[in-house]
Amino acid sequence: MRKEKMDTPRIVEIIGTLPLFSHLEREQVERLARSASVETIPAGGLYFSEQASAQGLHLLIAGRVKLFKMSEEGREQTIFIFDPGEPFCLCSVFSDGQLPANMAALESSTVLVIPPVELERLVAEDPGMLLQILRVMSRRLKEAMDMIDALSLRQLPSRLAAYFLSAAAGGAVTLSITHRELAKIIGATPEALSRALRKMSEAGLVDVQGKDVKVLDRSGLEQCRASGLS
């Protein structure tokens, strides 16, 4: 990770494109830009770990990063994958900065960091900012509870079907991650994922061509999500 030099006008432009700040006045955006810093993470680089701490609001402005946990046996479970425009490490914004998981870059990534002092000042002026943050945290909490349900109560075919059904747009999914990373999200080994994909294809539920997955039988996929695939 390294600090990146960026002119204030460019940071103002970036902040103006982020949904979290879409309601702010120009003067507020400019003030945020003056206090903000920009950091870059190389592909595969570790940004944060559970042993570290970090305060402030972090927003991804380019690239892709993942939040993950590691078991004592060294098994990795991906919790979230963040795309550009998404805030992350929200639990550290108003706390001591201790992080509950690890963060790494799936590809070369750029992060905008707003210091906690400036963020607290902004929230005091504009309570709507806090509401925006709470909306994001509520959505993340629901997604985390859905993942707990899937990993603890469902078999692999059910978890995979649930992922495809939630990600499918227009009956298709274009994976923005490798099959190895997908296996970490649904809590499986790459080999088990390959077998499950093959079974789904043979059952006529999906058609898999590399990173493109076409849903052929949505009702069958929903049944698979509910009861699995024998």
Protein backbone atom coordinates (compact mmCIF):
# COMPACT_ATOMS: atom_id res chain seq x y z
CA MET A 1 0.00 0.00 0.00
CA ARG A 2 1.26 3.49 -0.78
CA LYS A 3 0.02 7.05 -0.63
CA GLU A 4 -0.80 8.60 -3.98
CA LYS A 5 -0.51 12.27 -4.84
CA MET A 6 -3.74 13.67 -6.25
CA ASP A 7 -4.83 17.28 -6.76
CA THR A 8 -7.76 18.56 -4.70
CA PRO A 9 -9.88 19.39 -7.80
CA ARG A 10 -9.51 15.77 -8.95
CA ILE A 11 -10.58 14.49 -5.51
CA VAL A 12 -13.57 16.87 -5.61
CA GLU A 13 -14.53 15.34 -8.96
CA ILE A 14 -14.22 11.81 -7.58
CA ILE A 15 -16.26 12.56 -4.44
CA GLY A 16 -18.97 14.03 -6.64
CA THR A 17 -19.41 10.66 -8.38
CA LEU A 18 -19.79 8.62 -5.16
CA PRO A 19 -23.42 7.78 -4.23
CA LEU A 20 -22.71 8.17 -0.51
CA PHE A 21 -21.95 11.89 -1.01
CA SER A 22 -24.50 12.68 -3.70
CA HIS A 23 -26.59 14.94 -1.43
CA LEU A 24 -23.71 17.13 -0.17
CA GLU A 25 -23.25 20.81 -0.93
CA ARG A 26 -20.27 21.90 -3.02
CA GLU A 27 -18.57 23.52 -0.01
CA GLN A 28 -18.87 20.27 1.97
CA VAL A 29 -17.41 18.25 -0.90
CA GLU A 30 -14.47 20.65 -1.22
CA ARG A 31 -13.78 20.43 2.51
CA LEU A 32 -13.81 16.65 2.39
CA ALA A 33 -11.44 16.73 -0.58
CA ARG A 34 -8.94 18.93 1.28
CA SER A 35 -8.78 16.47 4.19
CA ALA A 36 -8.91 13.25 2.18
CA SER A 37 -5.99 11.06 1.17
CA VAL A 38 -5.64 8.53 -1.64
CA GLU A 39 -3.99 5.12 -1.24
CA THR A 40 -3.20 2.43 -3.79
CA ILE A 41 -3.03 -1.33 -3.23
CA PRO A 42 -1.27 -3.66 -5.69
CA ALA A 43 -3.14 -6.70 -6.99
CA GLY A 44 -3.01 -9.39 -4.32
CA GLY A 45 -1.83 -6.94 -1.70
CA LEU A 46 -3.14 -7.04 1.87
CA TYR A 47 -4.73 -3.71 2.81
CA PHE A 48 -5.89 -4.44 6.37
CA SER A 49 -5.70 -7.38 8.74
CA GLU A 50 -7.46 -8.37 11.94
CA GLN A 51 -4.25 -7.58 13.81
CA ALA A 52 -4.21 -4.00 12.54
CA SER A 53 -6.46 -1.03 13.14
CA ALA A 54 -7.64 1.76 10.88
CA GLN A 55 -9.96 4.68 11.39
CA GLY A 56 -11.87 6.82 8.95
CA LEU A 57 -14.19 6.22 6.05
CA HIS A 58 -12.72 4.22 3.16
CA LEU A 59 -14.23 4.31 -0.32
CA LEU A 60 -13.07 2.26 -3.28
CA ILE A 61 -12.62 4.49 -6.33
CA ALA A 62 -10.95 1.98 -8.67
CA GLY A 63 -10.29 -1.76 -8.71
CA ARG A 64 -11.85 -4.48 -6.58
CA VAL A 65 -11.16 -5.58 -2.99
CA LYS A 66 -12.40 -8.43 -0.82
CA LEU A 67 -13.15 -8.79 2.89
CA PHE A 68 -12.26 -12.23 4.21
CA LYS A 69 -11.64 -14.35 7.30
CA MET A 70 -9.00 -17.04 7.78
CA SER A 71 -9.57 -20.19 9.82
CA GLU A 72 -6.89 -21.68 12.09
CA GLU A 73 -6.32 -24.30 9.39
CA GLY A 74 -5.63 -21.57 6.83
CA ARG A 75 -8.95 -21.87 5.00
CA GLU A 76 -10.20 -18.59 3.55
CA GLN A 77 -13.84 -17.49 3.60
CA THR A 78 -14.69 -14.45 1.48
CA ILE A 79 -17.37 -12.30 3.13
CA PHE A 80 -17.80 -9.40 0.69
CA ILE A 81 -16.35 -8.23 -2.60
CA PHE A 82 -16.42 -4.46 -3.12
CA ASP A 83 -16.60 -2.68 -6.47
CA PRO A 84 -15.79 1.00 -7.23
CA GLY A 85 -18.03 3.48 -5.41
CA GLU A 86 -18.52 1.24 -2.37
CA PRO A 87 -17.59 2.31 1.18
CA PHE A 88 -15.94 -0.31 3.38
CA CYS A 89 -14.46 -0.79 6.89
CA LEU A 90 -17.58 0.99 8.15
CA CYS A 91 -17.30 -0.66 11.57
CA SER A 92 -14.11 1.34 12.14
CA VAL A 93 -15.61 4.73 11.27
CA PHE A 94 -16.83 5.61 14.77
CA SER A 95 -14.93 3.00 16.81
CA ASP A 96 -11.39 2.30 17.99
CA GLY A 97 -10.56 1.12 14.48
CA GLN A 98 -10.15 -2.56 15.32
CA LEU A 99 -11.12 -4.58 12.26
CA PRO A 100 -13.12 -7.85 12.39
CA ALA A 101 -11.65 -9.31 9.19
CA ASN A 102 -8.91 -8.97 6.56
CA MET A 103 -8.98 -6.88 3.39
CA ALA A 104 -7.02 -7.57 0.21
CA ALA A 105 -7.03 -6.34 -3.39
CA LEU A 106 -8.23 -8.70 -6.12
CA GLU A 107 -6.74 -6.27 -8.64
CA SER A 108 -4.78 -3.04 -8.48
CA SER A 109 -7.05 -0.73 -6.47
CA THR A 110 -7.32 2.89 -5.35
CA VAL A 111 -8.95 3.95 -2.08
CA LEU A 112 -10.14 7.35 -0.88
CA VAL A 113 -9.77 7.84 2.89
CA ILE A 114 -11.75 10.43 4.84
CA PRO A 115 -10.29 11.03 8.35
CA PRO A 116 -12.66 10.43 11.29
CA VAL A 117 -12.44 14.00 12.61
CA GLU A 118 -13.71 15.45 9.33
CA LEU A 119 -16.38 12.79 8.99
CA GLU A 120 -17.69 13.44 12.52
CA ARG A 121 -17.81 17.15 11.75
CA LEU A 122 -19.78 16.46 8.58
CA VAL A 123 -22.26 14.19 10.39
CA ALA A 124 -22.80 16.85 13.06
CA GLU A 125 -23.64 19.39 10.33
CA ASP A 126 -25.65 17.03 8.17
CA PRO A 127 -27.40 14.11 9.99
CA GLY A 128 -28.48 12.85 6.56
CA MET A 129 -24.88 11.65 6.12
CA LEU A 130 -25.26 9.34 9.10
CA LEU A 131 -28.52 8.01 7.67
CA GLN A 132 -26.73 7.18 4.42
CA ILE A 133 -24.07 5.24 6.32
CA LEU A 134 -26.71 3.39 8.36
CA ARG A 135 -28.49 2.33 5.15
CA VAL A 136 -25.27 0.80 3.83
CA MET A 137 -24.55 -0.94 7.15
CA SER A 138 -28.10 -2.32 7.32
CA ARG A 139 -27.78 -3.77 3.82
CA ARG A 140 -24.42 -5.32 4.69
CA LEU A 141 -25.85 -6.82 7.88
CA LYS A 142 -28.67 -8.45 5.91
CA GLU A 143 -26.17 -9.82 3.38
CA ALA A 144 -24.02 -11.19 6.20
CA MET A 145 -27.03 -12.89 7.82
CA ASP A 146 -27.97 -14.42 4.45
CA MET A 147 -24.43 -15.77 4.14
CA ILE A 148 -24.51 -17.27 7.64
CA ASP A 149 -27.80 -18.96 6.79
CA ALA A 150 -26.41 -20.32 3.52
CA LEU A 151 -23.10 -21.57 4.94
CA SER A 152 -24.50 -23.15 8.09
CA LEU A 153 -27.82 -24.58 6.92
CA ARG A 154 -27.50 -25.36 3.20
CA GLN A 155 -25.53 -27.83 1.13
CA LEU A 156 -23.20 -26.64 -1.63
CA PRO A 157 -25.70 -26.92 -4.55
CA SER A 158 -28.22 -24.85 -2.56
CA ARG A 159 -25.60 -22.19 -1.81
CA LEU A 160 -24.51 -22.04 -5.43
CA ALA A 161 -28.11 -21.83 -6.69
CA ALA A 162 -28.81 -19.00 -4.24
CA TYR A 163 -25.75 -17.12 -5.51
CA PHE A 164 -26.78 -17.44 -9.15
CA LEU A 165 -30.38 -16.44 -8.45
CA SER A 166 -29.31 -13.31 -6.56
CA ALA A 167 -26.65 -12.32 -9.10
CA ALA A 168 -28.54 -13.12 -12.31
CA ALA A 169 -29.57 -10.09 -14.35
CA GLY A 170 -31.70 -10.85 -17.38
CA GLY A 171 -31.25 -14.57 -16.81
CA ALA A 172 -27.44 -14.49 -16.93
CA VAL A 173 -24.47 -14.00 -14.63
CA THR A 174 -21.11 -12.69 -15.80
CA LEU A 175 -18.68 -13.51 -13.02
CA SER A 176 -16.32 -10.65 -12.20
CA ILE A 177 -14.19 -13.05 -10.19
CA THR A 178 -12.41 -16.35 -10.83
CA HIS A 179 -14.00 -19.69 -9.99
CA ARG A 180 -11.45 -19.97 -7.17
CA GLU A 181 -12.73 -16.74 -5.62
CA LEU A 182 -16.34 -17.86 -6.11
CA ALA A 183 -15.49 -21.06 -4.21
CA LYS A 184 -14.25 -18.94 -1.30
CA ILE A 185 -17.51 -16.96 -1.26
CA ILE A 186 -19.78 -20.00 -1.09
CA GLY A 187 -17.51 -21.93 1.28
CA ALA A 188 -16.30 -24.73 -1.00
CA THR A 189 -13.11 -26.07 -2.49
CA PRO A 190 -12.50 -25.31 -6.20
CA GLU A 191 -12.88 -29.02 -6.94
CA ALA A 192 -16.25 -29.23 -5.17
CA LEU A 193 -17.40 -26.11 -7.01
CA SER A 194 -16.45 -27.65 -10.36
CA ARG A 195 -18.43 -30.79 -9.54
CA ALA A 196 -21.47 -28.76 -8.49
CA LEU A 197 -21.32 -26.66 -11.67
CA ARG A 198 -21.06 -29.81 -13.78
CA LYS A 199 -24.08 -31.35 -12.02
CA MET A 200 -26.12 -28.18 -12.54
CA SER A 201 -25.18 -28.14 -16.22
CA GLU A 202 -26.07 -31.82 -16.65
CA ALA A 203 -29.42 -31.19 -14.94
CA GLY A 204 -30.16 -28.41 -17.43
CA LEU A 205 -30.29 -25.70 -14.77
CA VAL A 206 -27.44 -23.53 -16.10
CA ASP A 207 -25.08 -23.29 -19.03
CA VAL A 208 -21.52 -22.42 -17.98
CA GLN A 209 -19.10 -20.97 -20.51
CA GLY A 210 -16.03 -19.70 -18.65
CA LYS A 211 -17.14 -16.70 -16.59
CA ASP A 212 -20.55 -16.54 -18.30
CA VAL A 213 -23.35 -18.47 -16.61
CA LYS A 214 -26.77 -18.58 -18.29
CA VAL A 215 -29.77 -19.58 -16.16
CA LEU A 216 -31.72 -22.14 -18.23
CA ASP A 217 -34.30 -23.25 -15.67
CA ARG A 218 -35.05 -20.63 -13.02
CA SER A 219 -37.79 -22.65 -11.30
CA GLY A 220 -35.45 -25.65 -11.16
CA LEU A 221 -32.72 -23.44 -9.71
CA GLU A 222 -35.14 -22.15 -7.07
CA GLN A 223 -36.01 -25.74 -6.17
CA CYS A 224 -32.31 -26.52 -5.95
CA ARG A 225 -31.83 -23.55 -3.62
CA ALA A 226 -34.59 -24.86 -1.37
CA SER A 227 -33.70 -28.53 -1.30
CA GLY A 228 -30.33 -29.09 -2.96
CA LEU A 229 -29.41 -31.26 -5.94
CA SER A 230 -29.05 -35.00 -5.60
